[in-house]
Structures are given as structure tokens and as C-alpha cells.
C-alpha atoms as a PDB file:
ATOM      1  CA  MET A   1      -2.922 -40.646  -1.405  1.00  0.00           C
ATOM      2  CA  LYS A   2      -2.230 -39.773  -5.029  1.00  0.00           C
ATOM      3  CA  GLN A   3      -5.493 -37.817  -5.304  1.00  0.00           C
ATOM      4  CA  SER A   4      -4.677 -35.861  -2.142  1.00  0.00           C
ATOM      5  CA  LEU A   5      -1.288 -34.883  -3.555  1.00  0.00           C
ATOM      6  CA  ILE A   6      -2.836 -33.742  -6.849  1.00  0.00           C
ATOM      7  CA  ILE A   7      -5.506 -31.706  -5.034  1.00  0.00           C
ATOM      8  CA  LEU A   8      -2.870 -30.152  -2.789  1.00  0.00           C
ATOM      9  CA  CYS A   9      -0.741 -29.155  -5.803  1.00  0.00           C
ATOM     10  CA  ILE A  10      -3.747 -27.602  -7.524  1.00  0.00           C
ATOM     11  CA  LEU A  11      -4.588 -25.618  -4.387  1.00  0.00           C
ATOM     12  CA  PHE A  12      -1.009 -24.302  -4.175  1.00  0.00           C
ATOM     13  CA  ILE A  13      -1.158 -23.186  -7.790  1.00  0.00           C
ATOM     14  CA  ILE A  14      -4.519 -21.461  -7.356  1.00  0.00           C
ATOM     15  CA  THR A  15      -3.562 -19.640  -4.161  1.00  0.00           C
ATOM     16  CA  GLY A  16      -0.156 -18.699  -5.555  1.00  0.00           C
ATOM     17  CA  CYS A  17      -1.735 -17.064  -8.588  1.00  0.00           C
ATOM     18  CA  ALA A  18      -4.411 -15.364  -6.517  1.00  0.00           C
ATOM     19  CA  ALA A  19      -1.836 -13.872  -4.157  1.00  0.00           C
ATOM     20  CA  GLN A  20      -0.260 -11.720  -6.872  1.00  0.00           C
ATOM     21  CA  LYS A  21      -1.354  -8.115  -6.504  1.00  0.00           C
ATOM     22  CA  PHE A  22      -0.806  -5.573  -9.227  1.00  0.00           C
ATOM     23  CA  PRO A  23       0.230  -2.199  -7.816  1.00  0.00           C
ATOM     24  CA  TYR A  24      -1.793  -0.177 -10.334  1.00  0.00           C
ATOM     25  CA  ALA A  25      -5.493  -0.495 -11.178  1.00  0.00           C
ATOM     26  CA  ILE A  26      -7.856   1.364 -13.470  1.00  0.00           C
ATOM     27  CA  GLY A  27      -9.705   3.999 -11.460  1.00  0.00           C
ATOM     28  CA  MET A  28      -6.985   4.588  -8.868  1.00  0.00           C
ATOM     29  CA  SER A  29      -6.165   8.177  -8.019  1.00  0.00           C
ATOM     30  CA  GLU A  30      -3.031   9.899  -9.225  1.00  0.00           C
ATOM     31  CA  ALA A  31      -2.085  10.598  -5.599  1.00  0.00           C
ATOM     32  CA  ASP A  32      -2.138   6.843  -4.813  1.00  0.00           C
ATOM     33  CA  PHE A  33      -0.161   6.155  -7.986  1.00  0.00           C
ATOM     34  CA  ASN A  34       2.516   8.677  -7.014  1.00  0.00           C
ATOM     35  CA  ALA A  35       2.695   7.284  -3.462  1.00  0.00           C
ATOM     36  CA  ASN A  36       4.019   3.894  -4.586  1.00  0.00           C
ATOM     37  CA  LYS A  37       5.763   4.692  -7.850  1.00  0.00           C
ATOM     38  CA  SER A  38       9.264   3.530  -8.587  1.00  0.00           C
ATOM     39  CA  ARG A  39      11.341   4.255 -11.688  1.00  0.00           C
ATOM     40  CA  ILE A  40       8.459   6.195 -13.245  1.00  0.00           C
ATOM     41  CA  ASP A  41       8.963   9.263 -15.435  1.00  0.00           C
ATOM     42  CA  LEU A  42       6.469  12.021 -16.146  1.00  0.00           C
ATOM     43  CA  VAL A  43       5.923  12.176 -19.913  1.00  0.00           C
ATOM     44  CA  GLU A  44       3.101  14.685 -20.314  1.00  0.00           C
ATOM     45  CA  ALA A  45       1.153  16.964 -17.988  1.00  0.00           C
ATOM     46  CA  THR A  46      -1.757  19.173 -18.993  1.00  0.00           C
ATOM     47  CA  THR A  47      -4.676  20.533 -16.981  1.00  0.00           C
ATOM     48  CA  LYS A  48      -6.832  17.465 -17.689  1.00  0.00           C
ATOM     49  CA  ARG A  49      -4.392  14.692 -18.622  1.00  0.00           C
ATOM     50  CA  THR A  50      -1.159  13.292 -17.209  1.00  0.00           C
ATOM     51  CA  VAL A  51       0.948  10.480 -18.695  1.00  0.00           C
ATOM     52  CA  TYR A  52       3.673   8.515 -16.896  1.00  0.00           C
ATOM     53  CA  LYS A  53       6.153   5.990 -18.311  1.00  0.00           C
ATOM     54  CA  ARG A  54       7.887   3.059 -16.617  1.00  0.00           C
ATOM     55  CA  ASP A  55      10.484   0.840 -18.314  1.00  0.00           C
ATOM     56  CA  ILE A  56       9.664  -2.785 -17.493  1.00  0.00           C
ATOM     57  CA  GLU A  57      12.097  -4.906 -19.509  1.00  0.00           C
ATOM     58  CA  TYR A  58      15.711  -4.444 -20.468  1.00  0.00           C
ATOM     59  CA  ASP A  59      18.086  -5.985 -22.995  1.00  0.00           C
ATOM     60  CA  ASN A  60      20.203  -7.975 -20.570  1.00  0.00           C
ATOM     61  CA  ARG A  61      21.711 -10.467 -22.981  1.00  0.00           C
ATOM     62  CA  PRO A  62      25.464 -11.016 -22.816  1.00  0.00           C
ATOM     63  CA  GLY A  63      26.925  -8.026 -24.606  1.00  0.00           C
ATOM     64  CA  GLY A  64      23.544  -6.259 -24.421  1.00  0.00           C
ATOM     65  CA  THR A  65      23.232  -2.538 -23.912  1.00  0.00           C
ATOM     66  CA  MET A  66      20.744  -2.614 -20.976  1.00  0.00           C
ATOM     67  CA  LYS A  67      18.429  -0.359 -22.980  1.00  0.00           C
ATOM     68  CA  PRO A  68      14.707  -0.754 -22.307  1.00  0.00           C
ATOM     69  CA  THR A  69      12.891  -3.222 -24.560  1.00  0.00           C
ATOM     70  CA  ALA A  70       9.364  -2.606 -23.199  1.00  0.00           C
ATOM     71  CA  SER A  71       7.645   0.240 -21.363  1.00  0.00           C
ATOM     72  CA  MET A  72       4.314   0.789 -19.635  1.00  0.00           C
ATOM     73  CA  TYR A  73       2.416   4.038 -20.094  1.00  0.00           C
ATOM     74  CA  TYR A  74      -0.142   5.163 -17.494  1.00  0.00           C
ATOM     75  CA  TYR A  75      -2.795   7.691 -18.571  1.00  0.00           C
ATOM     76  CA  PHE A  76      -4.634   9.822 -15.997  1.00  0.00           C
ATOM     77  CA  VAL A  77      -7.636  11.990 -16.846  1.00  0.00           C
ATOM     78  CA  GLU A  78      -8.711  14.450 -14.161  1.00  0.00           C
ATOM     79  CA  GLY A  79      -6.669  12.587 -11.551  1.00  0.00           C
ATOM     80  CA  LYS A  80      -7.961   9.028 -12.266  1.00  0.00           C
ATOM     81  CA  LEU A  81      -6.080   6.217 -14.019  1.00  0.00           C
ATOM     82  CA  VAL A  82      -8.060   5.467 -17.175  1.00  0.00           C
ATOM     83  CA  ARG A  83      -5.611   3.521 -19.353  1.00  0.00           C
ATOM     84  CA  MET A  84      -2.459   1.398 -19.116  1.00  0.00           C
ATOM     85  CA  GLU A  85      -0.546   0.520 -22.275  1.00  0.00           C
ATOM     86  CA  ARG A  86       2.459  -1.744 -22.826  1.00  0.00           C
ATOM     87  CA  VAL A  87       4.723  -0.625 -25.678  1.00  0.00           C
ATOM     88  CA  GLU A  88       7.544  -2.692 -27.116  1.00  0.00           C
ATOM     89  CA  VAL A  89      10.647  -0.680 -27.969  1.00  0.00           C
ATOM     90  CA  LEU A  90      12.064  -1.734 -31.301  1.00  0.00           C
ATOM     91  CA  GLN A  91      15.776  -2.361 -31.212  1.00  0.00           C
ATOM     92  CA  GLN A  92      17.800  -1.345 -34.235  1.00  0.00           C
ATOM     93  CA  PRO A  93      19.688  -4.342 -35.611  1.00  0.00           C
ATOM     94  CA  ALA A  94      23.441  -4.140 -35.452  1.00  0.00           C
ATOM     95  CA  VAL A  95      25.011  -4.100 -38.908  1.00  0.00           C
ATOM     96  CA  VAL A  96      28.635  -5.076 -39.156  1.00  0.00           C
ATOM     97  CA  ILE A  97      30.395  -4.152 -42.393  1.00  0.00           C
ATOM     98  CA  GLN A  98      33.586  -5.974 -43.116  1.00  0.00           C
ATOM     99  CA  PRO A  99      36.391  -3.727 -44.391  1.00  0.00           C
ATOM    100  CA  ALA A 100      37.305  -4.215 -48.023  1.00  0.00           C
ATOM    101  CA  VAL A 101      40.343  -6.402 -48.583  1.00  0.00           C
ATOM    102  CA  ARG A 102      42.882  -4.725 -50.837  1.00  0.00           C
ATOM    103  CA  GLY A 103      45.233  -6.859 -52.620  1.00  0.00           C
END
């Protein structure tokens, strides 16, 4: 009974991970990419190369600014996706300066 439960749990984990489908794959056409894009901005467009950007993570801490903290860049050459790159956006630290006490 215990072995059956362990095997069943392992099967759930394996099938759950296998069921995830990424919407973008190297080699896909730009037309397919544009058909199912959401929140994607065009960054660069030349005759041979096109670059798109999608913000994927936001600063949603309490008191956060909801600015993007990570973005994905998608590079197309002659209409085919050739590169995907994740870029972390560096957040400037907040500096609080206490006013001078006069006395």
C-alpha cells in the first residue's frame, strides 16, 4: 500500500511537470509569436532582425512601486526566433537622508 502511494505521487509529479507548455520556442515564426503575444513591446525592427520585450516579474512588495524587476527579450532573425534572454532589472536602492537637527 505504501509503495503504491509513493509510485502514485511520483507519477503525479512527473505528469504535472510534463504538462507545462512554454508558449515560445526557438525556431518558431514571428507570425506565430505575434499571434499569441501578451504584454509584449517591440524594441527594435530592422530588415533582418526584430527584438521584442516582455516584463515577467514586478516589485510587488508592500510599498513597492510595481516596476518590472525582470524582462525577457525575444530575438528574431529573418522571421525565426533565434534567441531568448532573461534580463534582471537592477533597482536603485532608496536612500533616506535624515534632516540635520539644529539646536
